[in-house]
Amino acid sequence: MRTIKFLLGKELKQIFRNKSILAIVVVLPIIQLLILPFAANYEVRGINVSLVDRDHPSYSRKLISKIQGSNYFRLTHYDDSFDKAYRHIESDAAGLILEIPNGFERNLILEKHQQLFIAVNAINGAKASLGANYLIRTLQEFHEGLPIGAMNNSGLTQRSSLEVVFSNWHNPHLNYKFFMVPGILALLITMIGGFLTALTIVKEKEVGTIEQINVTPIKRHHFILGKLIPFWVLGNVVFTIGLLISWLVYGIVSEGSILLLYGFTTVYSLAVLGFGLLISTFCESQQQAMLITFFFMMIFILTAGLFTPIDSMPEWGQFITKLNPVAYSIEVIRMIILKGSTLTDVLPKLGVVALFGVVLNTWAILNYKKLH
């Protein structure tokens, strides 16, 4: 215990002597939580629409008003031919073309049927799919509001209707930031813990102090613990700052137990720190450690379900996520904060993350080469 206290004192002095580390711990969470929830947004709004209206009756004007009243679209161009409208897609000035054909109103009234043509700029597949679905839904709402239907015995128009009543659980206002911010909290712990610990042992190698440590009676597990504990504390500080920003800026308050949230974060931090220390034991320079850590972090983040749903990945991609501790962290933090999940709900994932921590830290201890 005395040895670990000595090592902790040494590490804390080095950390507080390095002003850049303190700046990263304080400034990085603030910047990421203020920018990423607005930048990483799956909601598609303000799609530029080029309209080709070949009919110009009252119904087409009502349809145009319906589209203009939507927050998802901007009618930026009114053209008299499809070829002119298509030039706007070629120049990326429009994302959608809606063509209203001749006889639009007459066919709706007399034949109860009319086809509309939609052309979509599909370079960005996700945006194209969402934009087309939004427009189709807008057209359906427009059609449902038209006085077109069967005549009853009294000569009045009637149409069948189906009323659907639904409620949104855990995020009733469908605020996308409520979905992103808990995932970014997990990302903060991952990046700060992984990158900082990946540099700690190789820094000793570069400055030459590792040889002095190797000839001391300090055991390998003492040395690894001395490196791990200070950054574990910093990880919890970063998480606390993140929770405060989430509450003050976005109004996000955890529905579940704060103690459970910190308990899981503690276990997850040990896994991430063990991963960083393991990389540090393999590397000979800080540059090498940074590049290797960046490589793995990119894979972890992209397959963690933060930006793309895991269910939409191919089977081999979903298998990779089972070996990704970041995926478990994002899911559990969202479960606790948004759903109010209990220990029983998160226990299986907590067990997997704890296993990651034991394996990675044990591997780091065994891989640290010390002179005896």
Protein backbone atom coordinates (compact mmCIF):
# COMPACT_ATOMS: atom_id res chain seq x y z
CA MET A 1 0.00 0.00 0.00
CA ARG A 2 2.87 2.35 0.83
CA THR A 3 4.39 1.68 -2.58
CA ILE A 4 1.13 2.51 -4.36
CA LYS A 5 0.83 5.76 -2.37
CA PHE A 6 4.32 6.73 -3.46
CA LEU A 7 3.51 5.98 -7.11
CA LEU A 8 0.21 7.86 -6.90
CA GLY A 9 1.98 10.92 -5.51
CA LYS A 10 4.48 10.78 -8.37
CA GLU A 11 1.76 10.45 -11.03
CA LEU A 12 -0.39 13.24 -9.58
CA LYS A 13 2.59 15.61 -9.53
CA GLN A 14 3.28 14.83 -13.17
CA ILE A 15 -0.37 15.35 -14.11
CA PHE A 16 -0.73 18.69 -12.34
CA ARG A 17 2.62 19.80 -13.73
CA ASN A 18 1.31 19.19 -17.25
CA LYS A 19 -1.19 21.99 -17.87
CA SER A 20 -2.31 20.49 -21.19
CA ILE A 21 -3.77 17.43 -19.44
CA LEU A 22 -5.84 19.61 -17.12
CA ALA A 23 -7.02 21.66 -20.10
CA ILE A 24 -8.08 18.46 -21.89
CA VAL A 25 -9.96 17.23 -18.84
CA VAL A 26 -11.91 20.47 -18.39
CA VAL A 27 -12.20 21.98 -21.88
CA LEU A 28 -12.70 18.85 -24.01
CA PRO A 29 -15.98 17.73 -22.36
CA ILE A 30 -17.43 21.23 -22.63
CA ILE A 31 -16.58 21.63 -26.32
CA GLN A 32 -17.75 18.17 -27.32
CA LEU A 33 -21.05 18.38 -25.45
CA LEU A 34 -21.80 21.85 -26.81
CA ILE A 35 -20.99 21.04 -30.46
CA LEU A 36 -21.52 17.32 -31.15
CA PRO A 37 -25.23 17.08 -30.19
CA PHE A 38 -25.99 19.79 -32.76
CA ALA A 39 -23.61 18.50 -35.45
CA ALA A 40 -24.37 14.76 -35.11
CA ASN A 41 -28.06 14.99 -35.86
CA TYR A 42 -30.00 12.46 -37.94
CA GLU A 43 -32.95 14.79 -38.38
CA VAL A 44 -33.12 16.12 -41.94
CA ARG A 45 -34.69 19.55 -42.25
CA GLY A 46 -34.69 22.35 -44.79
CA ILE A 47 -34.49 20.08 -47.86
CA ASN A 48 -34.50 22.18 -51.02
CA VAL A 49 -37.37 21.23 -53.32
CA SER A 50 -37.73 22.15 -56.98
CA LEU A 51 -41.40 22.17 -58.04
CA VAL A 52 -42.69 21.53 -61.55
CA ASP A 53 -46.40 22.44 -61.63
CA ARG A 54 -48.09 21.65 -64.93
CA ASP A 55 -51.66 22.08 -63.66
CA HIS A 56 -52.00 25.29 -61.53
CA PRO A 57 -55.52 24.60 -60.14
CA SER A 58 -56.61 25.24 -56.58
CA TYR A 59 -55.62 21.74 -55.41
CA SER A 60 -52.04 22.14 -56.59
CA ARG A 61 -51.83 25.49 -54.79
CA LYS A 62 -53.11 23.80 -51.62
CA LEU A 63 -50.45 21.12 -52.01
CA ILE A 64 -47.74 23.75 -52.46
CA SER A 65 -48.96 25.52 -49.30
CA LYS A 66 -48.87 22.19 -47.44
CA ILE A 67 -45.24 21.62 -48.44
CA GLN A 68 -44.24 25.20 -47.62
CA GLY A 69 -45.81 24.84 -44.18
CA SER A 70 -43.54 21.91 -43.34
CA ASN A 71 -40.28 22.47 -41.49
CA TYR A 72 -38.66 19.74 -43.53
CA PHE A 73 -38.76 21.46 -46.91
CA ARG A 74 -37.87 24.71 -48.63
CA LEU A 75 -39.44 25.40 -52.02
CA THR A 76 -36.47 27.05 -53.68
CA HIS A 77 -37.31 26.72 -57.38
CA TYR A 78 -40.47 26.85 -59.49
CA ASP A 79 -39.85 25.46 -62.97
CA ASP A 80 -42.04 24.82 -66.01
CA SER A 81 -40.17 21.68 -67.13
CA PHE A 82 -38.47 18.71 -65.56
CA ASP A 83 -35.23 19.37 -67.47
CA LYS A 84 -34.85 22.77 -65.84
CA ALA A 85 -35.59 21.32 -62.41
CA TYR A 86 -33.07 18.54 -62.98
CA ARG A 87 -30.30 21.10 -63.46
CA HIS A 88 -30.85 22.18 -59.84
CA ILE A 89 -30.19 18.61 -58.68
CA GLU A 90 -27.06 18.45 -60.83
CA SER A 91 -25.75 21.61 -59.18
CA ASP A 92 -26.81 20.41 -55.67
CA ALA A 93 -29.17 23.39 -55.40
CA ALA A 94 -32.11 21.01 -54.86
CA GLY A 95 -32.48 17.68 -53.15
CA LEU A 96 -35.94 16.75 -54.46
CA ILE A 97 -38.06 17.39 -57.52
CA LEU A 98 -41.85 17.19 -57.27
CA GLU A 99 -43.71 17.19 -60.59
CA ILE A 100 -47.45 17.88 -60.59
CA PRO A 101 -48.90 16.63 -63.91
CA ASN A 102 -51.61 18.10 -66.11
CA GLY A 103 -55.13 17.26 -64.97
CA PHE A 104 -54.06 16.87 -61.34
CA GLU A 105 -57.24 18.30 -59.79
CA ARG A 106 -59.61 16.80 -62.38
CA ASN A 107 -58.21 13.27 -61.94
CA LEU A 108 -58.41 13.53 -58.18
CA ILE A 109 -62.06 14.60 -58.26
CA LEU A 110 -63.37 12.41 -61.07
CA GLU A 111 -61.15 9.35 -61.03
CA LYS A 112 -60.13 9.44 -57.34
CA HIS A 113 -56.60 8.67 -58.45
CA GLN A 114 -53.52 10.63 -59.57
CA GLN A 115 -49.82 9.85 -59.74
CA LEU A 116 -47.13 12.37 -58.81
CA PHE A 117 -43.49 12.09 -59.80
CA ILE A 118 -40.69 12.55 -57.25
CA ALA A 119 -37.01 12.62 -58.23
CA VAL A 120 -34.48 12.38 -55.41
CA ASN A 121 -30.83 13.39 -55.29
CA ALA A 122 -29.51 10.12 -53.80
CA ILE A 123 -25.80 10.90 -53.47
CA ASN A 124 -26.38 10.96 -49.71
CA GLY A 125 -28.46 7.79 -49.36
CA ALA A 126 -29.65 8.45 -45.80
CA LYS A 127 -30.74 12.00 -46.54
CA ALA A 128 -32.41 10.91 -49.78
CA SER A 129 -34.39 8.17 -48.05
CA LEU A 130 -35.54 10.42 -45.22
CA GLY A 131 -36.36 13.30 -47.54
CA ALA A 132 -38.45 11.09 -49.85
CA ASN A 133 -40.29 9.57 -46.89
CA TYR A 134 -41.03 13.01 -45.45
CA LEU A 135 -42.42 14.20 -48.78
CA ILE A 136 -44.51 11.07 -49.27
CA ARG A 137 -45.95 11.49 -45.79
CA THR A 138 -46.75 15.14 -46.55
CA LEU A 139 -48.54 14.10 -49.74
CA GLN A 140 -50.51 11.48 -47.84
CA GLU A 141 -51.60 14.05 -45.26
CA PHE A 142 -52.62 16.38 -48.08
CA HIS A 143 -54.69 13.65 -49.72
CA GLU A 144 -56.37 12.70 -46.45
CA GLY A 145 -57.46 16.30 -46.00
CA LEU A 146 -59.16 16.55 -49.39
CA PRO A 147 -62.99 16.33 -49.56
CA ILE A 148 -62.87 13.29 -51.83
CA GLY A 149 -64.87 10.23 -50.92
CA ALA A 150 -68.06 8.29 -51.32
CA MET A 151 -71.45 9.95 -51.21
CA ASN A 152 -73.86 8.86 -48.51
CA ASN A 153 -77.66 8.70 -48.83
CA SER A 154 -78.07 12.34 -47.91
CA GLY A 155 -75.72 13.41 -50.69
CA LEU A 156 -72.91 14.48 -48.32
CA THR A 157 -69.33 13.46 -48.87
CA GLN A 158 -67.94 11.00 -46.36
CA ARG A 159 -64.72 9.09 -46.18
CA SER A 160 -63.48 6.31 -43.99
CA SER A 161 -61.04 7.37 -41.30
CA LEU A 162 -58.68 5.65 -38.91
CA GLU A 163 -57.49 7.44 -35.83
CA VAL A 164 -54.20 6.30 -34.32
CA VAL A 165 -53.31 7.36 -30.80
CA PHE A 166 -49.71 6.84 -29.71
CA SER A 167 -47.31 7.98 -27.03
CA ASN A 168 -43.53 8.39 -27.09
CA TRP A 169 -41.84 6.78 -24.12
CA HIS A 170 -38.52 7.84 -22.58
CA ASN A 171 -38.19 10.76 -25.03
CA PRO A 172 -41.74 12.14 -25.40
CA HIS A 173 -40.76 15.20 -27.47
CA LEU A 174 -38.52 13.17 -29.81
CA ASN A 175 -35.60 15.43 -28.94
CA TYR A 176 -32.62 13.97 -30.74
CA LYS A 177 -30.16 15.55 -28.28
CA PHE A 178 -31.60 13.34 -25.54
CA PHE A 179 -30.46 10.37 -27.62
CA MET A 180 -27.03 11.74 -28.54
CA VAL A 181 -25.81 13.31 -25.29
CA PRO A 182 -25.66 10.08 -23.19
CA GLY A 183 -23.68 8.45 -26.01
CA ILE A 184 -21.28 11.39 -26.10
CA LEU A 185 -20.76 11.02 -22.33
CA ALA A 186 -19.56 7.47 -22.92
CA LEU A 187 -17.37 8.74 -25.75
CA LEU A 188 -15.73 11.32 -23.48
CA ILE A 189 -14.66 8.70 -20.95
CA THR A 190 -13.39 6.47 -23.73
CA MET A 191 -11.27 9.07 -25.50
CA ILE A 192 -9.79 10.74 -22.46
CA GLY A 193 -9.11 7.49 -20.60
CA GLY A 194 -7.80 5.62 -23.63
CA PHE A 195 -5.55 8.32 -25.06
CA LEU A 196 -4.05 9.59 -21.80
CA THR A 197 -3.17 6.17 -20.42
CA ALA A 198 -1.79 5.04 -23.79
CA LEU A 199 0.85 7.75 -23.44
CA THR A 200 1.78 7.28 -19.82
CA ILE A 201 4.21 4.32 -19.91
CA VAL A 202 5.83 5.24 -23.24
CA LYS A 203 6.48 8.69 -21.81
CA GLU A 204 8.54 7.03 -19.07
CA LYS A 205 10.42 5.16 -21.81
CA GLU A 206 11.12 8.31 -23.81
CA VAL A 207 12.43 10.38 -20.89
CA GLY A 208 14.47 7.45 -19.54
CA THR A 209 12.84 7.12 -16.11
CA ILE A 210 11.53 3.62 -16.90
CA GLU A 211 15.02 2.18 -16.32
CA GLN A 212 15.11 3.70 -12.86
CA ILE A 213 11.72 2.20 -12.04
CA ASN A 214 12.76 -1.19 -13.40
CA VAL A 215 15.67 -1.52 -10.95
CA THR A 216 13.48 -0.73 -7.92
CA PRO A 217 11.61 -3.42 -5.95
CA ILE A 218 8.28 -2.05 -7.25
CA LYS A 219 6.15 -4.92 -8.51
CA ARG A 220 4.51 -4.86 -11.90
CA HIS A 221 0.95 -4.69 -10.59
CA HIS A 222 1.94 -1.82 -8.27
CA PHE A 223 3.33 0.10 -11.23
CA ILE A 224 0.21 -0.47 -13.36
CA LEU A 225 -2.11 0.49 -10.49
CA GLY A 226 -0.09 3.65 -9.92
CA LYS A 227 -0.64 4.59 -13.54
CA LEU A 228 -4.31 3.57 -13.60
CA ILE A 229 -5.82 5.11 -10.46
CA PRO A 230 -5.08 8.84 -11.16
CA PHE A 231 -6.62 8.64 -14.62
CA TRP A 232 -9.56 6.68 -13.23
CA VAL A 233 -10.22 9.65 -10.92
CA LEU A 234 -9.87 12.06 -13.84
CA GLY A 235 -12.33 9.97 -15.84
CA ASN A 236 -14.95 10.36 -13.11
CA VAL A 237 -14.27 14.10 -12.99
CA VAL A 238 -14.85 14.32 -16.75
CA PHE A 239 -18.06 12.31 -16.42
CA THR A 240 -19.29 14.62 -13.66
CA ILE A 241 -18.59 17.69 -15.79
CA GLY A 242 -20.46 16.03 -18.65
CA LEU A 243 -23.51 15.32 -16.48
CA LEU A 244 -23.59 18.92 -15.27
CA ILE A 245 -23.42 20.27 -18.82
CA SER A 246 -26.16 17.83 -19.90
CA TRP A 247 -28.39 19.15 -17.14
CA LEU A 248 -27.58 22.87 -17.47
CA VAL A 249 -27.58 23.09 -21.29
CA TYR A 250 -29.98 20.34 -22.44
CA GLY A 251 -32.11 19.78 -19.36
CA ILE A 252 -31.27 16.06 -19.27
CA VAL A 253 -31.76 14.52 -15.84
CA SER A 254 -31.10 10.84 -15.22
CA GLU A 255 -34.28 8.82 -14.78
CA GLY A 256 -32.28 6.06 -13.11
CA SER A 257 -30.01 5.88 -10.09
CA ILE A 258 -27.00 8.21 -10.12
CA LEU A 259 -25.14 5.70 -7.96
CA LEU A 260 -25.76 2.97 -10.53
CA LEU A 261 -24.62 5.35 -13.29
CA TYR A 262 -21.36 6.09 -11.48
CA GLY A 263 -20.95 2.43 -10.56
CA PHE A 264 -21.12 1.35 -14.18
CA THR A 265 -18.90 4.23 -15.28
CA THR A 266 -16.32 3.18 -12.70
CA VAL A 267 -16.17 -0.35 -14.05
CA TYR A 268 -16.15 0.84 -17.66
CA SER A 269 -13.35 3.32 -16.93
CA LEU A 270 -11.19 0.47 -15.63
CA ALA A 271 -11.70 -1.39 -18.92
CA VAL A 272 -10.81 1.66 -21.05
CA LEU A 273 -7.79 2.51 -18.91
CA GLY A 274 -6.61 -1.09 -19.10
CA PHE A 275 -6.85 -0.91 -22.88
CA GLY A 276 -4.76 2.27 -22.96
CA LEU A 277 -2.16 0.83 -20.60
CA LEU A 278 -1.96 -2.34 -22.68
CA ILE A 279 -1.18 -0.30 -25.80
CA SER A 280 1.40 1.67 -23.84
CA THR A 281 3.25 -1.50 -22.82
CA PHE A 282 3.61 -2.51 -26.48
CA CYS A 283 4.79 0.86 -27.83
CA GLU A 284 8.19 2.51 -27.74
CA SER A 285 7.17 6.12 -28.48
CA GLN A 286 4.24 8.41 -27.81
CA GLN A 287 3.67 8.91 -31.53
CA GLN A 288 3.35 5.17 -32.05
CA ALA A 289 0.95 4.92 -29.10
CA MET A 290 -1.20 7.77 -30.42
CA LEU A 291 -1.51 6.24 -33.90
CA ILE A 292 -2.41 2.78 -32.59
CA THR A 293 -4.92 4.19 -30.11
CA PHE A 294 -6.51 6.35 -32.81
CA PHE A 295 -6.85 3.31 -35.08
CA PHE A 296 -8.70 1.27 -32.45
CA MET A 297 -10.77 4.23 -31.22
CA MET A 298 -12.12 4.87 -34.71
CA ILE A 299 -13.24 1.23 -34.97
CA PHE A 300 -14.74 1.30 -31.48
CA ILE A 301 -16.66 4.54 -32.09
CA LEU A 302 -17.96 3.67 -35.57
CA THR A 303 -19.21 0.24 -34.47
CA ALA A 304 -20.61 1.35 -31.10
CA GLY A 305 -24.06 2.43 -32.27
CA LEU A 306 -23.49 6.12 -31.58
CA PHE A 307 -23.91 7.33 -35.16
CA THR A 308 -25.40 4.26 -36.87
CA PRO A 309 -27.86 1.70 -35.41
CA ILE A 310 -26.25 -1.64 -34.60
CA ASP A 311 -29.33 -3.49 -35.92
CA SER A 312 -28.71 -2.09 -39.40
CA MET A 313 -25.16 -3.45 -39.55
CA PRO A 314 -24.35 -6.73 -41.33
CA GLU A 315 -24.07 -9.83 -39.17
CA TRP A 316 -20.28 -9.70 -39.03
CA GLY A 317 -20.51 -6.05 -37.94
CA GLN A 318 -22.95 -6.91 -35.18
CA PHE A 319 -20.56 -9.63 -34.01
CA ILE A 320 -17.73 -7.08 -33.80
CA THR A 321 -19.85 -4.89 -31.53
CA LYS A 322 -19.98 -7.74 -29.01
CA LEU A 323 -16.20 -7.28 -28.63
CA ASN A 324 -16.53 -3.51 -28.35
CA PRO A 325 -16.73 -2.16 -24.77
CA VAL A 326 -17.81 1.26 -26.06
CA ALA A 327 -21.02 -0.26 -27.47
CA TYR A 328 -21.95 -1.64 -24.05
CA SER A 329 -21.17 1.69 -22.39
CA ILE A 330 -23.33 3.76 -24.76
CA GLU A 331 -26.25 1.37 -24.43
CA VAL A 332 -26.13 1.15 -20.63
CA ILE A 333 -25.72 4.90 -20.07
CA ARG A 334 -28.70 5.53 -22.35
CA MET A 335 -30.70 2.87 -20.50
CA ILE A 336 -30.02 4.41 -17.09
CA ILE A 337 -30.41 8.08 -18.06
CA LEU A 338 -33.38 7.81 -20.44
CA LYS A 339 -35.25 4.68 -19.32
CA GLY A 340 -34.39 4.57 -15.62
CA SER A 341 -33.08 1.01 -15.90
CA THR A 342 -32.10 -0.77 -12.69
CA LEU A 343 -29.14 -2.95 -11.76
CA THR A 344 -31.05 -6.06 -12.82
CA ASP A 345 -31.56 -4.59 -16.31
CA VAL A 346 -27.91 -3.69 -16.89
CA LEU A 347 -26.26 -6.52 -14.96
CA PRO A 348 -25.47 -8.73 -18.01
CA LYS A 349 -23.76 -5.86 -19.81
CA LEU A 350 -22.03 -4.76 -16.62
CA GLY A 351 -20.62 -8.28 -16.28
CA VAL A 352 -19.24 -8.19 -19.83
CA VAL A 353 -17.60 -4.79 -19.27
CA ALA A 354 -16.10 -6.02 -15.98
CA LEU A 355 -14.67 -9.00 -17.86
CA PHE A 356 -13.11 -6.61 -20.38
CA GLY A 357 -11.53 -4.71 -17.48
CA VAL A 358 -10.08 -7.83 -15.84
CA VAL A 359 -8.67 -9.21 -19.10
CA LEU A 360 -7.17 -5.93 -20.36
CA ASN A 361 -5.60 -4.89 -17.06
CA THR A 362 -4.22 -8.38 -16.40
CA TRP A 363 -2.78 -8.45 -19.91
CA ALA A 364 -1.19 -5.02 -19.35
CA ILE A 365 0.41 -6.21 -16.08
CA LEU A 366 1.77 -9.39 -17.67
CA ASN A 367 3.02 -7.56 -20.75
CA TYR A 368 4.91 -4.90 -18.78
CA LYS A 369 8.54 -5.96 -18.97
CA LYS A 370 10.34 -5.22 -15.74
CA LEU A 371 13.83 -6.14 -14.68
CA HIS A 372 13.89 -8.44 -11.66
